[in-house]
Amino acid sequence: MGDWKGWIREHWSLGLLSATALLVALGWWRGRTVTHPPGLLAPLDPVQTEPVSRVPWRFHGYRITPLAGFEIRARLLSRERYWFDHAADLSPVDFALGWGRMSDSKVLDAISIRQGGRWYYWSASPMPIPAGEIISHSANMHMIPATPAVAHRLLEARAGQIVHLEGNLVRVDGKDGWTWESSLSRTDTGDGSCEVVWVEHADLTDR
């Protein structure tokens, strides 16, 4: 009987280790960066238009006011998941997006990119393209998914994918007086320069 129990414990432990290794491998596979050869992947600028309506709505206890219609097709340079900051229940993920030459691997291979604290940081030496072009053709955008299906899609995104988003740039007002207002420019920098995007439609592809 003792040998039988030992056999059970041994094989249960091996099974647990195998399952853990499988989950780790699956997480790595799903989170891996999509790589591309040199070339423009998203040549066009984002499209910003007058909103269909400026009437605000309520969402998760926040007041959402549309500022502009917004559509973008860009390369996902980096993504950062947020769990505990003030906006995490509203915007669980930020996308750093690049278009034009900021979607070209030849340029991006020379630039170091990271995110943190709802900011997007880049550095390069030497500069592969002018700094002004990096600023005007990339941005950190706070994603507010309009539906659970959109949220799932955004949270599954991987760096390197091509992202097509449609929705609105918005202002958010909380009950406690907290506000979050989208930039309406692609050339600003510093505090307030990020886009706050109400995402109604999201497509992500590897090519």
Protein backbone atom coordinates (compact mmCIF):
# COMPACT_ATOMS: atom_id res chain seq x y z
CA MET A 1 0.00 0.00 0.00
CA GLY A 2 2.86 2.37 0.84
CA ASP A 3 4.43 1.89 -2.58
CA TRP A 4 1.07 2.54 -4.24
CA LYS A 5 0.61 5.84 -2.36
CA GLY A 6 4.15 6.88 -3.23
CA TRP A 7 3.49 6.15 -6.89
CA ILE A 8 0.35 8.33 -6.76
CA ARG A 9 2.21 11.22 -5.10
CA GLU A 10 5.11 11.00 -7.54
CA HIS A 11 2.95 10.94 -10.63
CA TRP A 12 0.61 13.66 -9.30
CA SER A 13 3.66 15.90 -8.74
CA LEU A 14 4.94 15.18 -12.24
CA GLY A 15 1.51 15.94 -13.67
CA LEU A 16 1.34 19.22 -11.76
CA LEU A 17 4.80 20.21 -12.99
CA SER A 18 3.83 19.36 -16.56
CA ALA A 19 0.61 21.38 -16.32
CA THR A 20 2.52 24.35 -14.87
CA ALA A 21 5.12 24.16 -17.65
CA LEU A 22 2.34 24.01 -20.23
CA LEU A 23 0.65 27.11 -18.79
CA VAL A 24 3.97 29.00 -18.75
CA ALA A 25 4.67 28.00 -22.35
CA LEU A 26 1.15 28.98 -23.38
CA GLY A 27 1.53 32.37 -21.69
CA TRP A 28 4.84 32.94 -23.48
CA TRP A 29 3.35 31.92 -26.81
CA ARG A 30 0.35 34.18 -26.46
CA GLY A 31 2.51 37.11 -25.29
CA ARG A 32 5.31 36.80 -27.82
CA THR A 33 6.21 39.78 -30.01
CA VAL A 34 5.21 39.61 -33.67
CA THR A 35 8.23 40.35 -35.86
CA HIS A 36 8.26 41.88 -39.34
CA PRO A 37 10.82 42.51 -42.09
CA PRO A 38 11.64 46.15 -42.95
CA GLY A 39 8.86 48.15 -44.59
CA LEU A 40 5.92 50.41 -43.76
CA LEU A 41 3.10 48.43 -42.16
CA ALA A 42 0.74 51.32 -41.36
CA PRO A 43 1.49 54.18 -43.77
CA LEU A 44 -1.57 56.37 -43.10
CA ASP A 45 -2.14 58.94 -40.36
CA PRO A 46 -4.98 58.48 -37.85
CA VAL A 47 -8.31 59.97 -38.92
CA GLN A 48 -9.93 62.44 -36.52
CA THR A 49 -13.38 63.85 -37.27
CA GLU A 50 -16.20 65.76 -35.62
CA PRO A 51 -18.13 63.40 -33.32
CA VAL A 52 -21.52 62.19 -34.49
CA SER A 53 -22.91 63.56 -31.21
CA ARG A 54 -21.47 65.41 -28.24
CA VAL A 55 -24.04 64.02 -25.84
CA PRO A 56 -22.27 62.30 -22.91
CA TRP A 57 -23.15 58.89 -21.49
CA ARG A 58 -22.49 56.96 -18.28
CA PHE A 59 -20.13 54.01 -18.16
CA HIS A 60 -18.93 52.16 -15.04
CA GLY A 61 -19.94 55.15 -12.94
CA TYR A 62 -18.05 57.65 -15.11
CA ARG A 63 -19.38 60.38 -17.38
CA ILE A 64 -17.95 59.93 -20.91
CA THR A 65 -18.06 62.91 -23.28
CA PRO A 66 -17.09 62.42 -26.95
CA LEU A 67 -14.63 65.03 -28.25
CA ALA A 68 -13.89 63.63 -31.72
CA GLY A 69 -14.49 60.62 -33.90
CA PHE A 70 -11.31 58.58 -34.21
CA GLU A 71 -9.95 55.78 -36.40
CA ILE A 72 -6.42 54.46 -36.53
CA ARG A 73 -4.48 51.65 -38.16
CA ALA A 74 -1.08 51.35 -36.55
CA ARG A 75 1.61 48.98 -35.37
CA LEU A 76 1.48 48.05 -31.70
CA LEU A 77 4.90 49.07 -30.41
CA SER A 78 4.21 48.12 -26.80
CA ARG A 79 1.32 47.42 -24.45
CA GLU A 80 1.04 47.91 -20.70
CA ARG A 81 -1.59 46.34 -18.46
CA TYR A 82 -2.88 48.36 -15.50
CA TRP A 83 -4.58 46.86 -12.46
CA PHE A 84 -4.55 49.31 -9.55
CA ASP A 85 -4.33 52.94 -10.70
CA HIS A 86 -7.26 55.36 -10.67
CA ALA A 87 -8.38 54.45 -14.20
CA ALA A 88 -7.70 50.71 -14.20
CA ASP A 89 -11.37 49.75 -13.91
CA LEU A 90 -12.13 51.94 -16.93
CA SER A 91 -8.99 51.55 -19.03
CA PRO A 92 -7.18 48.27 -18.28
CA VAL A 93 -4.49 48.66 -20.94
CA ASP A 94 -2.46 51.31 -22.77
CA PHE A 95 -1.21 50.90 -26.32
CA ALA A 96 1.91 52.60 -27.64
CA LEU A 97 1.15 52.83 -31.36
CA GLY A 98 3.23 53.79 -34.38
CA TRP A 99 2.33 54.68 -37.94
CA GLY A 100 4.21 55.96 -40.98
CA ARG A 101 7.91 55.29 -40.54
CA MET A 102 7.22 54.42 -36.90
CA SER A 103 5.67 51.20 -38.20
CA ASP A 104 8.85 50.21 -40.06
CA SER A 105 11.08 47.60 -38.41
CA LYS A 106 14.15 49.26 -39.92
CA VAL A 107 13.40 52.37 -37.85
CA LEU A 108 12.06 50.62 -34.76
CA ASP A 109 15.09 48.35 -34.44
CA ALA A 110 17.10 51.49 -33.61
CA ILE A 111 14.67 52.79 -30.96
CA SER A 112 14.24 51.62 -27.37
CA ILE A 113 10.59 51.74 -26.26
CA ARG A 114 8.97 51.19 -22.87
CA GLN A 115 5.81 52.10 -20.96
CA GLY A 116 4.98 52.78 -17.35
CA GLY A 117 2.80 54.97 -15.17
CA ARG A 118 0.49 55.67 -18.14
CA TRP A 119 3.42 57.08 -20.11
CA TYR A 120 5.33 55.94 -23.20
CA TYR A 121 9.09 56.48 -23.37
CA TRP A 122 11.49 56.18 -26.28
CA SER A 123 15.21 56.71 -26.78
CA ALA A 124 17.63 56.29 -29.66
CA SER A 125 21.28 57.02 -30.41
CA PRO A 126 21.86 57.72 -33.20
CA MET A 127 18.39 58.88 -34.28
CA PRO A 128 17.03 56.79 -37.17
CA ILE A 129 14.54 59.55 -38.10
CA PRO A 130 14.00 63.09 -36.75
CA ALA A 131 12.64 63.33 -33.20
CA GLY A 132 9.71 65.40 -34.43
CA GLU A 133 8.64 62.57 -36.70
CA ILE A 134 8.81 60.06 -33.85
CA ILE A 135 6.58 62.36 -31.78
CA SER A 136 4.06 62.98 -34.58
CA HIS A 137 3.90 59.35 -35.71
CA SER A 138 3.66 57.51 -32.41
CA ALA A 139 1.61 57.92 -29.26
CA ASN A 140 0.60 56.37 -25.99
CA MET A 141 -3.16 55.79 -26.01
CA HIS A 142 -5.38 54.83 -23.07
CA MET A 143 -7.85 52.19 -24.23
CA ILE A 144 -11.43 52.27 -22.89
CA PRO A 145 -13.17 49.17 -24.30
CA ALA A 146 -16.86 49.79 -24.99
CA THR A 147 -17.84 46.11 -24.57
CA PRO A 148 -16.47 42.96 -22.90
CA ALA A 149 -15.70 41.53 -26.36
CA VAL A 150 -13.59 44.57 -27.25
CA ALA A 151 -11.87 44.39 -23.86
CA HIS A 152 -10.96 40.74 -24.46
CA ARG A 153 -9.55 41.59 -27.87
CA LEU A 154 -7.45 44.47 -26.57
CA LEU A 155 -6.08 42.46 -23.66
CA GLU A 156 -5.02 39.68 -26.05
CA ALA A 157 -2.97 42.11 -28.17
CA ARG A 158 0.74 41.46 -28.73
CA ALA A 159 3.51 43.90 -29.57
CA GLY A 160 4.14 43.94 -33.31
CA GLN A 161 0.55 43.30 -34.30
CA ILE A 162 -1.31 45.61 -36.66
CA VAL A 163 -4.15 47.30 -34.80
CA HIS A 164 -7.26 48.85 -36.35
CA LEU A 165 -9.37 50.82 -33.88
CA GLU A 166 -12.58 52.80 -34.32
CA GLY A 167 -14.37 54.91 -31.74
CA ASN A 168 -14.02 58.32 -30.13
CA LEU A 169 -11.52 60.48 -28.33
CA VAL A 170 -13.20 61.33 -25.05
CA ARG A 171 -13.17 63.22 -21.79
CA VAL A 172 -13.85 61.21 -18.63
CA ASP A 173 -15.32 62.70 -15.45
CA GLY A 174 -15.50 60.73 -12.20
CA LYS A 175 -17.83 61.27 -9.26
CA ASP A 176 -14.90 62.37 -7.10
CA GLY A 177 -13.98 65.23 -9.44
CA TRP A 178 -11.23 63.29 -11.23
CA THR A 179 -10.99 64.03 -14.97
CA TRP A 180 -9.16 62.46 -17.88
CA GLU A 181 -9.23 64.36 -21.16
CA SER A 182 -7.88 63.12 -24.48
CA SER A 183 -5.36 65.02 -26.51
CA LEU A 184 -6.70 66.09 -29.89
CA SER A 185 -3.26 66.55 -31.43
CA ARG A 186 -0.66 64.10 -32.70
CA THR A 187 2.23 66.53 -32.21
CA ASP A 188 2.00 67.43 -28.51
CA THR A 189 4.22 66.00 -25.78
CA GLY A 190 4.24 65.85 -22.00
CA ASP A 191 1.34 65.82 -19.57
CA GLY A 192 -2.03 65.63 -21.32
CA SER A 193 -0.58 64.51 -24.65
CA CYS A 194 -1.98 60.97 -24.59
CA GLU A 195 -5.16 60.00 -26.39
CA VAL A 196 -8.05 58.63 -24.32
CA VAL A 197 -9.82 56.32 -26.75
CA TRP A 198 -13.34 54.94 -26.38
CA VAL A 199 -12.92 51.79 -28.49
CA GLU A 200 -16.06 50.49 -30.19
CA HIS A 201 -14.34 48.29 -32.77
CA ALA A 202 -10.92 46.60 -32.62
CA ASP A 203 -9.17 44.32 -35.10
CA LEU A 204 -5.69 42.90 -34.51
CA THR A 205 -3.72 40.96 -37.08
CA ASP A 206 -0.17 39.68 -37.35
CA ARG A 207 0.21 41.03 -40.89
